PDBML (XML) file of the C-alpha atoms, coordinates in Angstrom:
<?xml version="1.0" encoding="UTF-8" ?>
<PDBx:datablock datablockName="MODEL"
   xmlns:PDBx="http://pdbml.pdb.org/schema/pdbx-v50.xsd"
   xmlns:xsi="http://www.w3.org/2001/XMLSchema-instance"
   xsi:schemaLocation="http://pdbml.pdb.org/schema/pdbx-v50.xsd pdbx-v50.xsd">
   <PDBx:atom_siteCategory>
      <PDBx:atom_site id="1">
         <PDBx:B_iso_or_equiv>0.00</PDBx:B_iso_or_equiv>
         <PDBx:Cartn_x>7.660</PDBx:Cartn_x>
         <PDBx:Cartn_y>-26.599</PDBx:Cartn_y>
         <PDBx:Cartn_z>8.986</PDBx:Cartn_z>
         <PDBx:auth_asym_id>A</PDBx:auth_asym_id>
         <PDBx:auth_atom_id>CA</PDBx:auth_atom_id>
         <PDBx:auth_comp_id>UNK</PDBx:auth_comp_id>
         <PDBx:auth_seq_id>1</PDBx:auth_seq_id>
         <PDBx:group_PDB>ATOM</PDBx:group_PDB>
         <PDBx:label_alt_id xsi:nil="true" />
         <PDBx:label_asym_id>A</PDBx:label_asym_id>
         <PDBx:label_atom_id>CA</PDBx:label_atom_id>
         <PDBx:label_comp_id>UNK</PDBx:label_comp_id>
         <PDBx:label_entity_id>1</PDBx:label_entity_id>
         <PDBx:label_seq_id>1</PDBx:label_seq_id>
         <PDBx:occupancy>1.00</PDBx:occupancy>
         <PDBx:pdbx_PDB_model_num>1</PDBx:pdbx_PDB_model_num>
         <PDBx:type_symbol>C</PDBx:type_symbol>
      </PDBx:atom_site>
      <PDBx:atom_site id="2">
         <PDBx:B_iso_or_equiv>0.00</PDBx:B_iso_or_equiv>
         <PDBx:Cartn_x>5.040</PDBx:Cartn_x>
         <PDBx:Cartn_y>-23.302</PDBx:Cartn_y>
         <PDBx:Cartn_z>9.098</PDBx:Cartn_z>
         <PDBx:auth_asym_id>A</PDBx:auth_asym_id>
         <PDBx:auth_atom_id>CA</PDBx:auth_atom_id>
         <PDBx:auth_comp_id>UNK</PDBx:auth_comp_id>
         <PDBx:auth_seq_id>2</PDBx:auth_seq_id>
         <PDBx:group_PDB>ATOM</PDBx:group_PDB>
         <PDBx:label_alt_id xsi:nil="true" />
         <PDBx:label_asym_id>A</PDBx:label_asym_id>
         <PDBx:label_atom_id>CA</PDBx:label_atom_id>
         <PDBx:label_comp_id>UNK</PDBx:label_comp_id>
         <PDBx:label_entity_id>1</PDBx:label_entity_id>
         <PDBx:label_seq_id>2</PDBx:label_seq_id>
         <PDBx:occupancy>1.00</PDBx:occupancy>
         <PDBx:pdbx_PDB_model_num>1</PDBx:pdbx_PDB_model_num>
         <PDBx:type_symbol>C</PDBx:type_symbol>
      </PDBx:atom_site>
      <PDBx:atom_site id="3">
         <PDBx:B_iso_or_equiv>0.00</PDBx:B_iso_or_equiv>
         <PDBx:Cartn_x>6.276</PDBx:Cartn_x>
         <PDBx:Cartn_y>-21.170</PDBx:Cartn_y>
         <PDBx:Cartn_z>6.150</PDBx:Cartn_z>
         <PDBx:auth_asym_id>A</PDBx:auth_asym_id>
         <PDBx:auth_atom_id>CA</PDBx:auth_atom_id>
         <PDBx:auth_comp_id>UNK</PDBx:auth_comp_id>
         <PDBx:auth_seq_id>3</PDBx:auth_seq_id>
         <PDBx:group_PDB>ATOM</PDBx:group_PDB>
         <PDBx:label_alt_id xsi:nil="true" />
         <PDBx:label_asym_id>A</PDBx:label_asym_id>
         <PDBx:label_atom_id>CA</PDBx:label_atom_id>
         <PDBx:label_comp_id>UNK</PDBx:label_comp_id>
         <PDBx:label_entity_id>1</PDBx:label_entity_id>
         <PDBx:label_seq_id>3</PDBx:label_seq_id>
         <PDBx:occupancy>1.00</PDBx:occupancy>
         <PDBx:pdbx_PDB_model_num>1</PDBx:pdbx_PDB_model_num>
         <PDBx:type_symbol>C</PDBx:type_symbol>
      </PDBx:atom_site>
      <PDBx:atom_site id="4">
         <PDBx:B_iso_or_equiv>0.00</PDBx:B_iso_or_equiv>
         <PDBx:Cartn_x>4.190</PDBx:Cartn_x>
         <PDBx:Cartn_y>-17.714</PDBx:Cartn_y>
         <PDBx:Cartn_z>5.322</PDBx:Cartn_z>
         <PDBx:auth_asym_id>A</PDBx:auth_asym_id>
         <PDBx:auth_atom_id>CA</PDBx:auth_atom_id>
         <PDBx:auth_comp_id>UNK</PDBx:auth_comp_id>
         <PDBx:auth_seq_id>4</PDBx:auth_seq_id>
         <PDBx:group_PDB>ATOM</PDBx:group_PDB>
         <PDBx:label_alt_id xsi:nil="true" />
         <PDBx:label_asym_id>A</PDBx:label_asym_id>
         <PDBx:label_atom_id>CA</PDBx:label_atom_id>
         <PDBx:label_comp_id>UNK</PDBx:label_comp_id>
         <PDBx:label_entity_id>1</PDBx:label_entity_id>
         <PDBx:label_seq_id>4</PDBx:label_seq_id>
         <PDBx:occupancy>1.00</PDBx:occupancy>
         <PDBx:pdbx_PDB_model_num>1</PDBx:pdbx_PDB_model_num>
         <PDBx:type_symbol>C</PDBx:type_symbol>
      </PDBx:atom_site>
      <PDBx:atom_site id="5">
         <PDBx:B_iso_or_equiv>0.00</PDBx:B_iso_or_equiv>
         <PDBx:Cartn_x>4.179</PDBx:Cartn_x>
         <PDBx:Cartn_y>-15.038</PDBx:Cartn_y>
         <PDBx:Cartn_z>3.051</PDBx:Cartn_z>
         <PDBx:auth_asym_id>A</PDBx:auth_asym_id>
         <PDBx:auth_atom_id>CA</PDBx:auth_atom_id>
         <PDBx:auth_comp_id>UNK</PDBx:auth_comp_id>
         <PDBx:auth_seq_id>5</PDBx:auth_seq_id>
         <PDBx:group_PDB>ATOM</PDBx:group_PDB>
         <PDBx:label_alt_id xsi:nil="true" />
         <PDBx:label_asym_id>A</PDBx:label_asym_id>
         <PDBx:label_atom_id>CA</PDBx:label_atom_id>
         <PDBx:label_comp_id>UNK</PDBx:label_comp_id>
         <PDBx:label_entity_id>1</PDBx:label_entity_id>
         <PDBx:label_seq_id>5</PDBx:label_seq_id>
         <PDBx:occupancy>1.00</PDBx:occupancy>
         <PDBx:pdbx_PDB_model_num>1</PDBx:pdbx_PDB_model_num>
         <PDBx:type_symbol>C</PDBx:type_symbol>
      </PDBx:atom_site>
      <PDBx:atom_site id="6">
         <PDBx:B_iso_or_equiv>0.00</PDBx:B_iso_or_equiv>
         <PDBx:Cartn_x>2.784</PDBx:Cartn_x>
         <PDBx:Cartn_y>-11.530</PDBx:Cartn_y>
         <PDBx:Cartn_z>3.308</PDBx:Cartn_z>
         <PDBx:auth_asym_id>A</PDBx:auth_asym_id>
         <PDBx:auth_atom_id>CA</PDBx:auth_atom_id>
         <PDBx:auth_comp_id>UNK</PDBx:auth_comp_id>
         <PDBx:auth_seq_id>6</PDBx:auth_seq_id>
         <PDBx:group_PDB>ATOM</PDBx:group_PDB>
         <PDBx:label_alt_id xsi:nil="true" />
         <PDBx:label_asym_id>A</PDBx:label_asym_id>
         <PDBx:label_atom_id>CA</PDBx:label_atom_id>
         <PDBx:label_comp_id>UNK</PDBx:label_comp_id>
         <PDBx:label_entity_id>1</PDBx:label_entity_id>
         <PDBx:label_seq_id>6</PDBx:label_seq_id>
         <PDBx:occupancy>1.00</PDBx:occupancy>
         <PDBx:pdbx_PDB_model_num>1</PDBx:pdbx_PDB_model_num>
         <PDBx:type_symbol>C</PDBx:type_symbol>
      </PDBx:atom_site>
      <PDBx:atom_site id="7">
         <PDBx:B_iso_or_equiv>0.00</PDBx:B_iso_or_equiv>
         <PDBx:Cartn_x>2.253</PDBx:Cartn_x>
         <PDBx:Cartn_y>-8.706</PDBx:Cartn_y>
         <PDBx:Cartn_z>0.756</PDBx:Cartn_z>
         <PDBx:auth_asym_id>A</PDBx:auth_asym_id>
         <PDBx:auth_atom_id>CA</PDBx:auth_atom_id>
         <PDBx:auth_comp_id>UNK</PDBx:auth_comp_id>
         <PDBx:auth_seq_id>7</PDBx:auth_seq_id>
         <PDBx:group_PDB>ATOM</PDBx:group_PDB>
         <PDBx:label_alt_id xsi:nil="true" />
         <PDBx:label_asym_id>A</PDBx:label_asym_id>
         <PDBx:label_atom_id>CA</PDBx:label_atom_id>
         <PDBx:label_comp_id>UNK</PDBx:label_comp_id>
         <PDBx:label_entity_id>1</PDBx:label_entity_id>
         <PDBx:label_seq_id>7</PDBx:label_seq_id>
         <PDBx:occupancy>1.00</PDBx:occupancy>
         <PDBx:pdbx_PDB_model_num>1</PDBx:pdbx_PDB_model_num>
         <PDBx:type_symbol>C</PDBx:type_symbol>
      </PDBx:atom_site>
      <PDBx:atom_site id="8">
         <PDBx:B_iso_or_equiv>0.00</PDBx:B_iso_or_equiv>
         <PDBx:Cartn_x>1.560</PDBx:Cartn_x>
         <PDBx:Cartn_y>-5.071</PDBx:Cartn_y>
         <PDBx:Cartn_z>0.894</PDBx:Cartn_z>
         <PDBx:auth_asym_id>A</PDBx:auth_asym_id>
         <PDBx:auth_atom_id>CA</PDBx:auth_atom_id>
         <PDBx:auth_comp_id>UNK</PDBx:auth_comp_id>
         <PDBx:auth_seq_id>8</PDBx:auth_seq_id>
         <PDBx:group_PDB>ATOM</PDBx:group_PDB>
         <PDBx:label_alt_id xsi:nil="true" />
         <PDBx:label_asym_id>A</PDBx:label_asym_id>
         <PDBx:label_atom_id>CA</PDBx:label_atom_id>
         <PDBx:label_comp_id>UNK</PDBx:label_comp_id>
         <PDBx:label_entity_id>1</PDBx:label_entity_id>
         <PDBx:label_seq_id>8</PDBx:label_seq_id>
         <PDBx:occupancy>1.00</PDBx:occupancy>
         <PDBx:pdbx_PDB_model_num>1</PDBx:pdbx_PDB_model_num>
         <PDBx:type_symbol>C</PDBx:type_symbol>
      </PDBx:atom_site>
      <PDBx:atom_site id="9">
         <PDBx:B_iso_or_equiv>0.00</PDBx:B_iso_or_equiv>
         <PDBx:Cartn_x>1.142</PDBx:Cartn_x>
         <PDBx:Cartn_y>-3.288</PDBx:Cartn_y>
         <PDBx:Cartn_z>-2.590</PDBx:Cartn_z>
         <PDBx:auth_asym_id>A</PDBx:auth_asym_id>
         <PDBx:auth_atom_id>CA</PDBx:auth_atom_id>
         <PDBx:auth_comp_id>UNK</PDBx:auth_comp_id>
         <PDBx:auth_seq_id>9</PDBx:auth_seq_id>
         <PDBx:group_PDB>ATOM</PDBx:group_PDB>
         <PDBx:label_alt_id xsi:nil="true" />
         <PDBx:label_asym_id>A</PDBx:label_asym_id>
         <PDBx:label_atom_id>CA</PDBx:label_atom_id>
         <PDBx:label_comp_id>UNK</PDBx:label_comp_id>
         <PDBx:label_entity_id>1</PDBx:label_entity_id>
         <PDBx:label_seq_id>9</PDBx:label_seq_id>
         <PDBx:occupancy>1.00</PDBx:occupancy>
         <PDBx:pdbx_PDB_model_num>1</PDBx:pdbx_PDB_model_num>
         <PDBx:type_symbol>C</PDBx:type_symbol>
      </PDBx:atom_site>
      <PDBx:atom_site id="10">
         <PDBx:B_iso_or_equiv>0.00</PDBx:B_iso_or_equiv>
         <PDBx:Cartn_x>0.429</PDBx:Cartn_x>
         <PDBx:Cartn_y>0.567</PDBx:Cartn_y>
         <PDBx:Cartn_z>-1.702</PDBx:Cartn_z>
         <PDBx:auth_asym_id>A</PDBx:auth_asym_id>
         <PDBx:auth_atom_id>CA</PDBx:auth_atom_id>
         <PDBx:auth_comp_id>UNK</PDBx:auth_comp_id>
         <PDBx:auth_seq_id>10</PDBx:auth_seq_id>
         <PDBx:group_PDB>ATOM</PDBx:group_PDB>
         <PDBx:label_alt_id xsi:nil="true" />
         <PDBx:label_asym_id>A</PDBx:label_asym_id>
         <PDBx:label_atom_id>CA</PDBx:label_atom_id>
         <PDBx:label_comp_id>UNK</PDBx:label_comp_id>
         <PDBx:label_entity_id>1</PDBx:label_entity_id>
         <PDBx:label_seq_id>10</PDBx:label_seq_id>
         <PDBx:occupancy>1.00</PDBx:occupancy>
         <PDBx:pdbx_PDB_model_num>1</PDBx:pdbx_PDB_model_num>
         <PDBx:type_symbol>C</PDBx:type_symbol>
      </PDBx:atom_site>
      <PDBx:atom_site id="11">
         <PDBx:B_iso_or_equiv>0.00</PDBx:B_iso_or_equiv>
         <PDBx:Cartn_x>-0.148</PDBx:Cartn_x>
         <PDBx:Cartn_y>3.518</PDBx:Cartn_y>
         <PDBx:Cartn_z>-4.432</PDBx:Cartn_z>
         <PDBx:auth_asym_id>A</PDBx:auth_asym_id>
         <PDBx:auth_atom_id>CA</PDBx:auth_atom_id>
         <PDBx:auth_comp_id>UNK</PDBx:auth_comp_id>
         <PDBx:auth_seq_id>11</PDBx:auth_seq_id>
         <PDBx:group_PDB>ATOM</PDBx:group_PDB>
         <PDBx:label_alt_id xsi:nil="true" />
         <PDBx:label_asym_id>A</PDBx:label_asym_id>
         <PDBx:label_atom_id>CA</PDBx:label_atom_id>
         <PDBx:label_comp_id>UNK</PDBx:label_comp_id>
         <PDBx:label_entity_id>1</PDBx:label_entity_id>
         <PDBx:label_seq_id>11</PDBx:label_seq_id>
         <PDBx:occupancy>1.00</PDBx:occupancy>
         <PDBx:pdbx_PDB_model_num>1</PDBx:pdbx_PDB_model_num>
         <PDBx:type_symbol>C</PDBx:type_symbol>
      </PDBx:atom_site>
      <PDBx:atom_site id="12">
         <PDBx:B_iso_or_equiv>0.00</PDBx:B_iso_or_equiv>
         <PDBx:Cartn_x>0.277</PDBx:Cartn_x>
         <PDBx:Cartn_y>6.916</PDBx:Cartn_y>
         <PDBx:Cartn_z>-3.243</PDBx:Cartn_z>
         <PDBx:auth_asym_id>A</PDBx:auth_asym_id>
         <PDBx:auth_atom_id>CA</PDBx:auth_atom_id>
         <PDBx:auth_comp_id>UNK</PDBx:auth_comp_id>
         <PDBx:auth_seq_id>12</PDBx:auth_seq_id>
         <PDBx:group_PDB>ATOM</PDBx:group_PDB>
         <PDBx:label_alt_id xsi:nil="true" />
         <PDBx:label_asym_id>A</PDBx:label_asym_id>
         <PDBx:label_atom_id>CA</PDBx:label_atom_id>
         <PDBx:label_comp_id>UNK</PDBx:label_comp_id>
         <PDBx:label_entity_id>1</PDBx:label_entity_id>
         <PDBx:label_seq_id>12</PDBx:label_seq_id>
         <PDBx:occupancy>1.00</PDBx:occupancy>
         <PDBx:pdbx_PDB_model_num>1</PDBx:pdbx_PDB_model_num>
         <PDBx:type_symbol>C</PDBx:type_symbol>
      </PDBx:atom_site>
      <PDBx:atom_site id="13">
         <PDBx:B_iso_or_equiv>0.00</PDBx:B_iso_or_equiv>
         <PDBx:Cartn_x>-2.165</PDBx:Cartn_x>
         <PDBx:Cartn_y>9.286</PDBx:Cartn_y>
         <PDBx:Cartn_z>-4.920</PDBx:Cartn_z>
         <PDBx:auth_asym_id>A</PDBx:auth_asym_id>
         <PDBx:auth_atom_id>CA</PDBx:auth_atom_id>
         <PDBx:auth_comp_id>UNK</PDBx:auth_comp_id>
         <PDBx:auth_seq_id>13</PDBx:auth_seq_id>
         <PDBx:group_PDB>ATOM</PDBx:group_PDB>
         <PDBx:label_alt_id xsi:nil="true" />
         <PDBx:label_asym_id>A</PDBx:label_asym_id>
         <PDBx:label_atom_id>CA</PDBx:label_atom_id>
         <PDBx:label_comp_id>UNK</PDBx:label_comp_id>
         <PDBx:label_entity_id>1</PDBx:label_entity_id>
         <PDBx:label_seq_id>13</PDBx:label_seq_id>
         <PDBx:occupancy>1.00</PDBx:occupancy>
         <PDBx:pdbx_PDB_model_num>1</PDBx:pdbx_PDB_model_num>
         <PDBx:type_symbol>C</PDBx:type_symbol>
      </PDBx:atom_site>
      <PDBx:atom_site id="14">
         <PDBx:B_iso_or_equiv>0.00</PDBx:B_iso_or_equiv>
         <PDBx:Cartn_x>-1.620</PDBx:Cartn_x>
         <PDBx:Cartn_y>13.024</PDBx:Cartn_y>
         <PDBx:Cartn_z>-4.948</PDBx:Cartn_z>
         <PDBx:auth_asym_id>A</PDBx:auth_asym_id>
         <PDBx:auth_atom_id>CA</PDBx:auth_atom_id>
         <PDBx:auth_comp_id>UNK</PDBx:auth_comp_id>
         <PDBx:auth_seq_id>14</PDBx:auth_seq_id>
         <PDBx:group_PDB>ATOM</PDBx:group_PDB>
         <PDBx:label_alt_id xsi:nil="true" />
         <PDBx:label_asym_id>A</PDBx:label_asym_id>
         <PDBx:label_atom_id>CA</PDBx:label_atom_id>
         <PDBx:label_comp_id>UNK</PDBx:label_comp_id>
         <PDBx:label_entity_id>1</PDBx:label_entity_id>
         <PDBx:label_seq_id>14</PDBx:label_seq_id>
         <PDBx:occupancy>1.00</PDBx:occupancy>
         <PDBx:pdbx_PDB_model_num>1</PDBx:pdbx_PDB_model_num>
         <PDBx:type_symbol>C</PDBx:type_symbol>
      </PDBx:atom_site>
      <PDBx:atom_site id="15">
         <PDBx:B_iso_or_equiv>0.00</PDBx:B_iso_or_equiv>
         <PDBx:Cartn_x>-4.181</PDBx:Cartn_x>
         <PDBx:Cartn_y>15.748</PDBx:Cartn_y>
         <PDBx:Cartn_z>-5.429</PDBx:Cartn_z>
         <PDBx:auth_asym_id>A</PDBx:auth_asym_id>
         <PDBx:auth_atom_id>CA</PDBx:auth_atom_id>
         <PDBx:auth_comp_id>UNK</PDBx:auth_comp_id>
         <PDBx:auth_seq_id>15</PDBx:auth_seq_id>
         <PDBx:group_PDB>ATOM</PDBx:group_PDB>
         <PDBx:label_alt_id xsi:nil="true" />
         <PDBx:label_asym_id>A</PDBx:label_asym_id>
         <PDBx:label_atom_id>CA</PDBx:label_atom_id>
         <PDBx:label_comp_id>UNK</PDBx:label_comp_id>
         <PDBx:label_entity_id>1</PDBx:label_entity_id>
         <PDBx:label_seq_id>15</PDBx:label_seq_id>
         <PDBx:occupancy>1.00</PDBx:occupancy>
         <PDBx:pdbx_PDB_model_num>1</PDBx:pdbx_PDB_model_num>
         <PDBx:type_symbol>C</PDBx:type_symbol>
      </PDBx:atom_site>
      <PDBx:atom_site id="16">
         <PDBx:B_iso_or_equiv>0.00</PDBx:B_iso_or_equiv>
         <PDBx:Cartn_x>-4.006</PDBx:Cartn_x>
         <PDBx:Cartn_y>19.414</PDBx:Cartn_y>
         <PDBx:Cartn_z>-5.376</PDBx:Cartn_z>
         <PDBx:auth_asym_id>A</PDBx:auth_asym_id>
         <PDBx:auth_atom_id>CA</PDBx:auth_atom_id>
         <PDBx:auth_comp_id>UNK</PDBx:auth_comp_id>
         <PDBx:auth_seq_id>16</PDBx:auth_seq_id>
         <PDBx:group_PDB>ATOM</PDBx:group_PDB>
         <PDBx:label_alt_id xsi:nil="true" />
         <PDBx:label_asym_id>A</PDBx:label_asym_id>
         <PDBx:label_atom_id>CA</PDBx:label_atom_id>
         <PDBx:label_comp_id>UNK</PDBx:label_comp_id>
         <PDBx:label_entity_id>1</PDBx:label_entity_id>
         <PDBx:label_seq_id>16</PDBx:label_seq_id>
         <PDBx:occupancy>1.00</PDBx:occupancy>
         <PDBx:pdbx_PDB_model_num>1</PDBx:pdbx_PDB_model_num>
         <PDBx:type_symbol>C</PDBx:type_symbol>
      </PDBx:atom_site>
      <PDBx:atom_site id="17">
         <PDBx:B_iso_or_equiv>0.00</PDBx:B_iso_or_equiv>
         <PDBx:Cartn_x>-1.240</PDBx:Cartn_x>
         <PDBx:Cartn_y>19.331</PDBx:Cartn_y>
         <PDBx:Cartn_z>-2.392</PDBx:Cartn_z>
         <PDBx:auth_asym_id>A</PDBx:auth_asym_id>
         <PDBx:auth_atom_id>CA</PDBx:auth_atom_id>
         <PDBx:auth_comp_id>UNK</PDBx:auth_comp_id>
         <PDBx:auth_seq_id>17</PDBx:auth_seq_id>
         <PDBx:group_PDB>ATOM</PDBx:group_PDB>
         <PDBx:label_alt_id xsi:nil="true" />
         <PDBx:label_asym_id>A</PDBx:label_asym_id>
         <PDBx:label_atom_id>CA</PDBx:label_atom_id>
         <PDBx:label_comp_id>UNK</PDBx:label_comp_id>
         <PDBx:label_entity_id>1</PDBx:label_entity_id>
         <PDBx:label_seq_id>17</PDBx:label_seq_id>
         <PDBx:occupancy>1.00</PDBx:occupancy>
         <PDBx:pdbx_PDB_model_num>1</PDBx:pdbx_PDB_model_num>
         <PDBx:type_symbol>C</PDBx:type_symbol>
      </PDBx:atom_site>
      <PDBx:atom_site id="18">
         <PDBx:B_iso_or_equiv>0.00</PDBx:B_iso_or_equiv>
         <PDBx:Cartn_x>-2.810</PDBx:Cartn_x>
         <PDBx:Cartn_y>16.354</PDBx:Cartn_y>
         <PDBx:Cartn_z>-0.170</PDBx:Cartn_z>
         <PDBx:auth_asym_id>A</PDBx:auth_asym_id>
         <PDBx:auth_atom_id>CA</PDBx:auth_atom_id>
         <PDBx:auth_comp_id>UNK</PDBx:auth_comp_id>
         <PDBx:auth_seq_id>18</PDBx:auth_seq_id>
         <PDBx:group_PDB>ATOM</PDBx:group_PDB>
         <PDBx:label_alt_id xsi:nil="true" />
         <PDBx:label_asym_id>A</PDBx:label_asym_id>
         <PDBx:label_atom_id>CA</PDBx:label_atom_id>
         <PDBx:label_comp_id>UNK</PDBx:label_comp_id>
         <PDBx:label_entity_id>1</PDBx:label_entity_id>
         <PDBx:label_seq_id>18</PDBx:label_seq_id>
         <PDBx:occupancy>1.00</PDBx:occupancy>
         <PDBx:pdbx_PDB_model_num>1</PDBx:pdbx_PDB_model_num>
         <PDBx:type_symbol>C</PDBx:type_symbol>
      </PDBx:atom_site>
      <PDBx:atom_site id="19">
         <PDBx:B_iso_or_equiv>0.00</PDBx:B_iso_or_equiv>
         <PDBx:Cartn_x>-2.256</PDBx:Cartn_x>
         <PDBx:Cartn_y>12.918</PDBx:Cartn_y>
         <PDBx:Cartn_z>-0.385</PDBx:Cartn_z>
         <PDBx:auth_asym_id>A</PDBx:auth_asym_id>
         <PDBx:auth_atom_id>CA</PDBx:auth_atom_id>
         <PDBx:auth_comp_id>UNK</PDBx:auth_comp_id>
         <PDBx:auth_seq_id>19</PDBx:auth_seq_id>
         <PDBx:group_PDB>ATOM</PDBx:group_PDB>
         <PDBx:label_alt_id xsi:nil="true" />
         <PDBx:label_asym_id>A</PDBx:label_asym_id>
         <PDBx:label_atom_id>CA</PDBx:label_atom_id>
         <PDBx:label_comp_id>UNK</PDBx:label_comp_id>
         <PDBx:label_entity_id>1</PDBx:label_entity_id>
         <PDBx:label_seq_id>19</PDBx:label_seq_id>
         <PDBx:occupancy>1.00</PDBx:occupancy>
         <PDBx:pdbx_PDB_model_num>1</PDBx:pdbx_PDB_model_num>
         <PDBx:type_symbol>C</PDBx:type_symbol>
      </PDBx:atom_site>
      <PDBx:atom_site id="20">
         <PDBx:B_iso_or_equiv>0.00</PDBx:B_iso_or_equiv>
         <PDBx:Cartn_x>-3.902</PDBx:Cartn_x>
         <PDBx:Cartn_y>9.680</PDBx:Cartn_y>
         <PDBx:Cartn_z>-0.480</PDBx:Cartn_z>
         <PDBx:auth_asym_id>A</PDBx:auth_asym_id>
         <PDBx:auth_atom_id>CA</PDBx:auth_atom_id>
         <PDBx:auth_comp_id>UNK</PDBx:auth_comp_id>
         <PDBx:auth_seq_id>20</PDBx:auth_seq_id>
         <PDBx:group_PDB>ATOM</PDBx:group_PDB>
         <PDBx:label_alt_id xsi:nil="true" />
         <PDBx:label_asym_id>A</PDBx:label_asym_id>
         <PDBx:label_atom_id>CA</PDBx:label_atom_id>
         <PDBx:label_comp_id>UNK</PDBx:label_comp_id>
         <PDBx:label_entity_id>1</PDBx:label_entity_id>
         <PDBx:label_seq_id>20</PDBx:label_seq_id>
         <PDBx:occupancy>1.00</PDBx:occupancy>
         <PDBx:pdbx_PDB_model_num>1</PDBx:pdbx_PDB_model_num>
         <PDBx:type_symbol>C</PDBx:type_symbol>
      </PDBx:atom_site>
      <PDBx:atom_site id="21">
         <PDBx:B_iso_or_equiv>0.00</PDBx:B_iso_or_equiv>
         <PDBx:Cartn_x>-2.229</PDBx:Cartn_x>
         <PDBx:Cartn_y>6.233</PDBx:Cartn_y>
         <PDBx:Cartn_z>-0.218</PDBx:Cartn_z>
         <PDBx:auth_asym_id>A</PDBx:auth_asym_id>
         <PDBx:auth_atom_id>CA</PDBx:auth_atom_id>
         <PDBx:auth_comp_id>UNK</PDBx:auth_comp_id>
         <PDBx:auth_seq_id>21</PDBx:auth_seq_id>
         <PDBx:group_PDB>ATOM</PDBx:group_PDB>
         <PDBx:label_alt_id xsi:nil="true" />
         <PDBx:label_asym_id>A</PDBx:label_asym_id>
         <PDBx:label_atom_id>CA</PDBx:label_atom_id>
         <PDBx:label_comp_id>UNK</PDBx:label_comp_id>
         <PDBx:label_entity_id>1</PDBx:label_entity_id>
         <PDBx:label_seq_id>21</PDBx:label_seq_id>
         <PDBx:occupancy>1.00</PDBx:occupancy>
         <PDBx:pdbx_PDB_model_num>1</PDBx:pdbx_PDB_model_num>
         <PDBx:type_symbol>C</PDBx:type_symbol>
      </PDBx:atom_site>
      <PDBx:atom_site id="22">
         <PDBx:B_iso_or_equiv>0.00</PDBx:B_iso_or_equiv>
         <PDBx:Cartn_x>-4.243</PDBx:Cartn_x>
         <PDBx:Cartn_y>3.417</PDBx:Cartn_y>
         <PDBx:Cartn_z>-1.268</PDBx:Cartn_z>
         <PDBx:auth_asym_id>A</PDBx:auth_asym_id>
         <PDBx:auth_atom_id>CA</PDBx:auth_atom_id>
         <PDBx:auth_comp_id>UNK</PDBx:auth_comp_id>
         <PDBx:auth_seq_id>22</PDBx:auth_seq_id>
         <PDBx:group_PDB>ATOM</PDBx:group_PDB>
         <PDBx:label_alt_id xsi:nil="true" />
         <PDBx:label_asym_id>A</PDBx:label_asym_id>
         <PDBx:label_atom_id>CA</PDBx:label_atom_id>
         <PDBx:label_comp_id>UNK</PDBx:label_comp_id>
         <PDBx:label_entity_id>1</PDBx:label_entity_id>
         <PDBx:label_seq_id>22</PDBx:label_seq_id>
         <PDBx:occupancy>1.00</PDBx:occupancy>
         <PDBx:pdbx_PDB_model_num>1</PDBx:pdbx_PDB_model_num>
         <PDBx:type_symbol>C</PDBx:type_symbol>
      </PDBx:atom_site>
      <PDBx:atom_site id="23">
         <PDBx:B_iso_or_equiv>0.00</PDBx:B_iso_or_equiv>
         <PDBx:Cartn_x>-2.800</PDBx:Cartn_x>
         <PDBx:Cartn_y>-0.112</PDBx:Cartn_y>
         <PDBx:Cartn_z>0.111</PDBx:Cartn_z>
         <PDBx:auth_asym_id>A</PDBx:auth_asym_id>
         <PDBx:auth_atom_id>CA</PDBx:auth_atom_id>
         <PDBx:auth_comp_id>UNK</PDBx:auth_comp_id>
         <PDBx:auth_seq_id>23</PDBx:auth_seq_id>
         <PDBx:group_PDB>ATOM</PDBx:group_PDB>
         <PDBx:label_alt_id xsi:nil="true" />
         <PDBx:label_asym_id>A</PDBx:label_asym_id>
         <PDBx:label_atom_id>CA</PDBx:label_atom_id>
         <PDBx:label_comp_id>UNK</PDBx:label_comp_id>
         <PDBx:label_entity_id>1</PDBx:label_entity_id>
         <PDBx:label_seq_id>23</PDBx:label_seq_id>
         <PDBx:occupancy>1.00</PDBx:occupancy>
         <PDBx:pdbx_PDB_model_num>1</PDBx:pdbx_PDB_model_num>
         <PDBx:type_symbol>C</PDBx:type_symbol>
      </PDBx:atom_site>
      <PDBx:atom_site id="24">
         <PDBx:B_iso_or_equiv>0.00</PDBx:B_iso_or_equiv>
         <PDBx:Cartn_x>-4.192</PDBx:Cartn_x>
         <PDBx:Cartn_y>-3.876</PDBx:Cartn_y>
         <PDBx:Cartn_z>-0.123</PDBx:Cartn_z>
         <PDBx:auth_asym_id>A</PDBx:auth_asym_id>
         <PDBx:auth_atom_id>CA</PDBx:auth_atom_id>
         <PDBx:auth_comp_id>UNK</PDBx:auth_comp_id>
         <PDBx:auth_seq_id>24</PDBx:auth_seq_id>
         <PDBx:group_PDB>ATOM</PDBx:group_PDB>
         <PDBx:label_alt_id xsi:nil="true" />
         <PDBx:label_asym_id>A</PDBx:label_asym_id>
         <PDBx:label_atom_id>CA</PDBx:label_atom_id>
         <PDBx:label_comp_id>UNK</PDBx:label_comp_id>
         <PDBx:label_entity_id>1</PDBx:label_entity_id>
         <PDBx:label_seq_id>24</PDBx:label_seq_id>
         <PDBx:occupancy>1.00</PDBx:occupancy>
         <PDBx:pdbx_PDB_model_num>1</PDBx:pdbx_PDB_model_num>
         <PDBx:type_symbol>C</PDBx:type_symbol>
      </PDBx:atom_site>
   </PDBx:atom_siteCategory>
</PDBx:datablock>
Protein backbone atom coordinates (compact mmCIF):
# COMPACT_ATOMS: atom_id res chain seq x y z
CA UNK A 1 0.00 0.00 0.00
CA UNK A 2 1.00 3.60 -0.62
CA UNK A 3 0.44 5.71 2.52
CA UNK A 4 1.26 9.40 2.58
CA UNK A 5 0.79 12.19 5.13
CA UNK A 6 1.16 15.88 4.31
CA UNK A 7 1.18 18.50 7.08
CA UNK A 8 0.94 22.29 7.23
CA UNK A 9 1.68 24.57 10.16
CA UNK A 10 0.82 28.26 9.71
CA UNK A 11 1.01 31.28 12.01
CA UNK A 12 -0.55 34.69 11.52
CA UNK A 13 1.61 37.63 12.57
CA UNK A 14 -0.15 40.99 12.82
CA UNK A 15 1.52 44.39 12.87
CA UNK A 16 0.12 47.87 12.22
CA UNK A 17 -3.13 46.71 10.60
CA UNK A 18 -1.28 44.38 8.29
CA UNK A 19 -1.01 40.62 8.44
CA UNK A 20 1.63 38.10 7.45
CA UNK A 21 1.01 34.36 7.39
CA UNK A 22 4.15 32.29 7.84
CA UNK A 23 3.82 28.60 7.06
CA UNK A 24 5.77 25.42 6.68
